[in-house]
Amino acid sequence: MGILRLIFRVLKPTRKPRPLSRIIVFSPTPSQATLPRPRHLTGPCWVVDGDTIIIQRTSIRLAGIDAPELDHPYGEVAKSAMIRLCRGQMIRADIHEQTSHDRMVETCTLPDGRDLAAEIVKMGLAVDWPKFSGGKYRSLEQAGVRKKLWRCDARQKGRFPPGAGEYTIPA
């Protein structure tokens, strides 16, 4: 009996364990590459951070605003607020033809027509980025929000590039 088990183990094909996560890269086939892209996406979303969501496997950055990264002050708060706004909602993303860090840059709206970026700016958890919005959300910013979200403000002024080392709060 022992020899049969040994033979079975030797002859049995071994299966490698599947990785827990995979990165899937979709490359369009020639016929897909020539098809016109849809002008909008609609569906439930997965919130990544205060200014990034995923709809239908497409990573989307909200156009015209800057919210703190998750490891920055108020980053987790901004993400939680975005989750509360989007929970149970069908979000519509109108496609712009630009990308940012492999994400589509889009204007996203809630089913009642409210602009998702405007709502997060009104909450004081994101700031207007005039270079990309033309100042569209500046009037919605709360007083003193640029001091509160100083890293976003510094990044817009070129003093704090993404991925740079830790800085102290400016005086």
Protein backbone atom coordinates (compact mmCIF):
# COMPACT_ATOMS: atom_id res chain seq x y z
CA MET A 1 0.00 0.00 0.00
CA GLY A 2 2.83 2.42 0.79
CA ILE A 3 4.51 1.85 -2.56
CA LEU A 4 1.28 2.63 -4.45
CA ARG A 5 0.97 5.99 -2.66
CA LEU A 6 4.55 6.82 -3.55
CA ILE A 7 4.01 5.95 -7.23
CA PHE A 8 0.77 7.95 -7.30
CA ARG A 9 2.50 11.02 -5.83
CA VAL A 10 5.32 10.81 -8.36
CA LEU A 11 3.03 10.35 -11.35
CA LYS A 12 0.32 12.80 -10.23
CA PRO A 13 0.66 16.15 -12.01
CA THR A 14 1.32 18.97 -9.58
CA ARG A 15 -0.75 22.12 -9.71
CA LYS A 16 0.80 25.43 -8.91
CA PRO A 17 -1.26 27.64 -6.58
CA ARG A 18 -3.03 30.51 -8.28
CA PRO A 19 -1.81 33.99 -7.36
CA LEU A 20 -4.18 35.94 -5.11
CA SER A 21 -4.29 38.89 -7.44
CA ARG A 22 -3.54 39.34 -11.11
CA ILE A 23 -2.94 42.37 -13.21
CA ILE A 24 -4.97 42.09 -16.37
CA VAL A 25 -3.97 44.24 -19.30
CA PHE A 26 -6.55 44.55 -22.03
CA SER A 27 -5.11 45.29 -25.43
CA PRO A 28 -7.61 45.98 -28.17
CA THR A 29 -7.77 43.71 -31.14
CA PRO A 30 -7.46 45.47 -34.52
CA SER A 31 -11.24 45.44 -34.96
CA GLN A 32 -11.79 46.92 -31.47
CA ALA A 33 -9.17 49.61 -31.98
CA THR A 34 -11.10 51.07 -34.90
CA LEU A 35 -14.45 51.15 -33.11
CA PRO A 36 -15.51 54.56 -31.78
CA ARG A 37 -15.30 54.79 -28.00
CA PRO A 38 -18.51 55.45 -26.09
CA ARG A 39 -18.88 59.07 -25.02
CA HIS A 40 -19.86 58.11 -21.46
CA LEU A 41 -19.79 55.28 -18.93
CA THR A 42 -22.59 54.59 -16.47
CA GLY A 43 -22.66 52.20 -13.55
CA PRO A 44 -21.87 51.64 -9.92
CA CYS A 45 -18.39 52.73 -8.95
CA TRP A 46 -15.53 51.58 -6.77
CA VAL A 47 -13.87 54.46 -4.89
CA VAL A 48 -10.06 54.49 -4.95
CA ASP A 49 -9.47 57.85 -3.25
CA GLY A 50 -10.98 61.34 -3.07
CA ASP A 51 -10.62 62.06 -6.78
CA THR A 52 -10.39 58.60 -8.40
CA ILE A 53 -13.12 56.02 -9.01
CA ILE A 54 -13.50 52.90 -11.15
CA ILE A 55 -16.55 52.32 -13.37
CA GLN A 56 -16.78 49.22 -15.57
CA ARG A 57 -13.09 48.38 -15.01
CA THR A 58 -12.08 51.87 -16.15
CA SER A 59 -10.06 54.02 -13.75
CA ILE A 60 -11.40 57.57 -13.76
CA ARG A 61 -9.92 60.74 -12.31
CA LEU A 62 -12.41 63.50 -11.58
CA ALA A 63 -11.70 66.43 -13.88
CA GLY A 64 -10.69 69.82 -12.49
CA ILE A 65 -10.09 69.02 -8.80
CA ASP A 66 -7.33 67.74 -6.55
CA ALA A 67 -8.05 65.71 -3.43
CA PRO A 68 -5.40 64.53 -0.94
CA GLU A 69 -3.71 61.18 -1.52
CA LEU A 70 -4.55 58.43 0.97
CA ASP A 71 -1.27 58.85 2.86
CA HIS A 72 -1.70 62.64 3.13
CA PRO A 73 -3.65 64.46 5.84
CA TYR A 74 -7.42 64.14 5.18
CA GLY A 75 -6.84 61.52 2.45
CA GLU A 76 -8.85 58.79 4.19
CA VAL A 77 -11.55 61.33 5.11
CA ALA A 78 -11.88 62.37 1.45
CA LYS A 79 -12.18 58.74 0.38
CA SER A 80 -14.86 58.04 3.02
CA ALA A 81 -16.85 61.07 1.89
CA MET A 82 -16.65 59.92 -1.73
CA ILE A 83 -17.86 56.46 -0.70
CA ARG A 84 -20.86 58.01 1.09
CA LEU A 85 -21.69 60.08 -2.00
CA CYS A 86 -21.45 57.15 -4.43
CA ARG A 87 -22.87 54.27 -2.36
CA GLY A 88 -25.82 52.69 -4.17
CA GLN A 89 -25.72 55.26 -6.99
CA MET A 90 -25.34 54.81 -10.73
CA ILE A 91 -22.55 57.24 -11.63
CA ARG A 92 -22.30 58.70 -15.13
CA ALA A 93 -18.84 59.63 -16.43
CA ASP A 94 -18.61 61.88 -19.49
CA ILE A 95 -15.38 61.08 -21.32
CA HIS A 96 -12.72 63.70 -22.02
CA GLU A 97 -9.91 62.80 -24.41
CA GLN A 98 -7.08 63.11 -21.87
CA THR A 99 -5.47 60.75 -19.39
CA SER A 100 -3.61 61.23 -16.12
CA HIS A 101 -1.38 58.47 -14.73
CA ASP A 102 -3.19 55.82 -16.83
CA ARG A 103 -6.62 57.08 -15.75
CA MET A 104 -9.30 58.67 -17.88
CA VAL A 105 -10.07 62.26 -16.86
CA GLU A 106 -13.82 62.68 -16.75
CA THR A 107 -16.67 64.73 -15.38
CA CYS A 108 -18.82 62.45 -13.22
CA THR A 109 -22.39 63.08 -12.16
CA LEU A 110 -24.81 61.51 -9.72
CA PRO A 111 -28.25 60.34 -10.92
CA ASP A 112 -29.84 63.62 -9.70
CA GLY A 113 -27.43 65.61 -11.92
CA ARG A 114 -25.03 66.84 -9.23
CA ASP A 115 -21.37 67.04 -10.25
CA LEU A 116 -19.35 64.63 -8.09
CA ALA A 117 -16.27 66.90 -8.14
CA ALA A 118 -18.33 69.92 -7.06
CA GLU A 119 -19.82 67.96 -4.15
CA ILE A 120 -16.43 66.89 -2.78
CA VAL A 121 -15.09 70.46 -3.13
CA LYS A 122 -18.15 71.83 -1.26
CA MET A 123 -17.37 69.41 1.59
CA GLY A 124 -13.90 70.95 1.93
CA LEU A 125 -12.12 67.71 1.00
CA ALA A 126 -10.75 68.75 -2.40
CA VAL A 127 -9.62 71.94 -4.08
CA ASP A 128 -10.14 73.40 -7.51
CA TRP A 129 -7.24 72.89 -9.92
CA PRO A 130 -7.57 75.99 -12.15
CA LYS A 131 -5.05 74.69 -14.71
CA PHE A 132 -7.51 71.92 -15.63
CA SER A 133 -10.89 73.36 -14.61
CA GLY A 134 -10.51 76.98 -15.65
CA GLY A 135 -11.58 77.95 -12.11
CA LYS A 136 -14.93 76.16 -12.37
CA TYR A 137 -14.87 74.92 -8.75
CA ARG A 138 -12.96 77.78 -7.07
CA SER A 139 -16.15 79.54 -5.92
CA LEU A 140 -17.28 76.33 -4.18
CA GLU A 141 -14.16 76.03 -1.98
CA GLN A 142 -14.61 76.56 1.75
CA ALA A 143 -12.69 79.36 3.43
CA GLY A 144 -9.24 78.18 4.54
CA VAL A 145 -9.42 74.87 2.68
CA ARG A 146 -6.09 75.50 0.92
CA LYS A 147 -4.32 75.72 4.29
CA LYS A 148 -6.07 72.55 5.44
CA LEU A 149 -5.18 70.70 2.21
CA TRP A 150 -1.77 72.35 1.92
CA ARG A 151 -0.21 69.42 0.06
CA CYS A 152 -2.75 69.72 -2.76
CA ASP A 153 -2.12 73.46 -2.96
CA ALA A 154 1.66 72.96 -2.94
CA ARG A 155 1.45 70.28 -5.67
CA GLN A 156 -0.55 72.66 -7.90
CA LYS A 157 2.12 75.32 -7.46
CA GLY A 158 4.88 72.86 -8.35
CA ARG A 159 6.40 72.77 -4.85
CA PHE A 160 5.34 69.21 -4.04
CA PRO A 161 5.48 66.76 -6.94
CA PRO A 162 3.60 63.46 -6.55
CA GLY A 163 5.78 60.78 -4.98
CA ALA A 164 8.19 63.24 -3.36
CA GLY A 165 9.49 62.75 0.15
CA GLU A 166 7.82 63.97 3.31
CA TYR A 167 7.56 67.69 3.90
CA THR A 168 6.66 69.61 7.00
CA ILE A 169 3.70 71.95 7.18
CA PRO A 170 4.70 75.34 5.73
CA ALA A 171 4.64 78.30 8.12
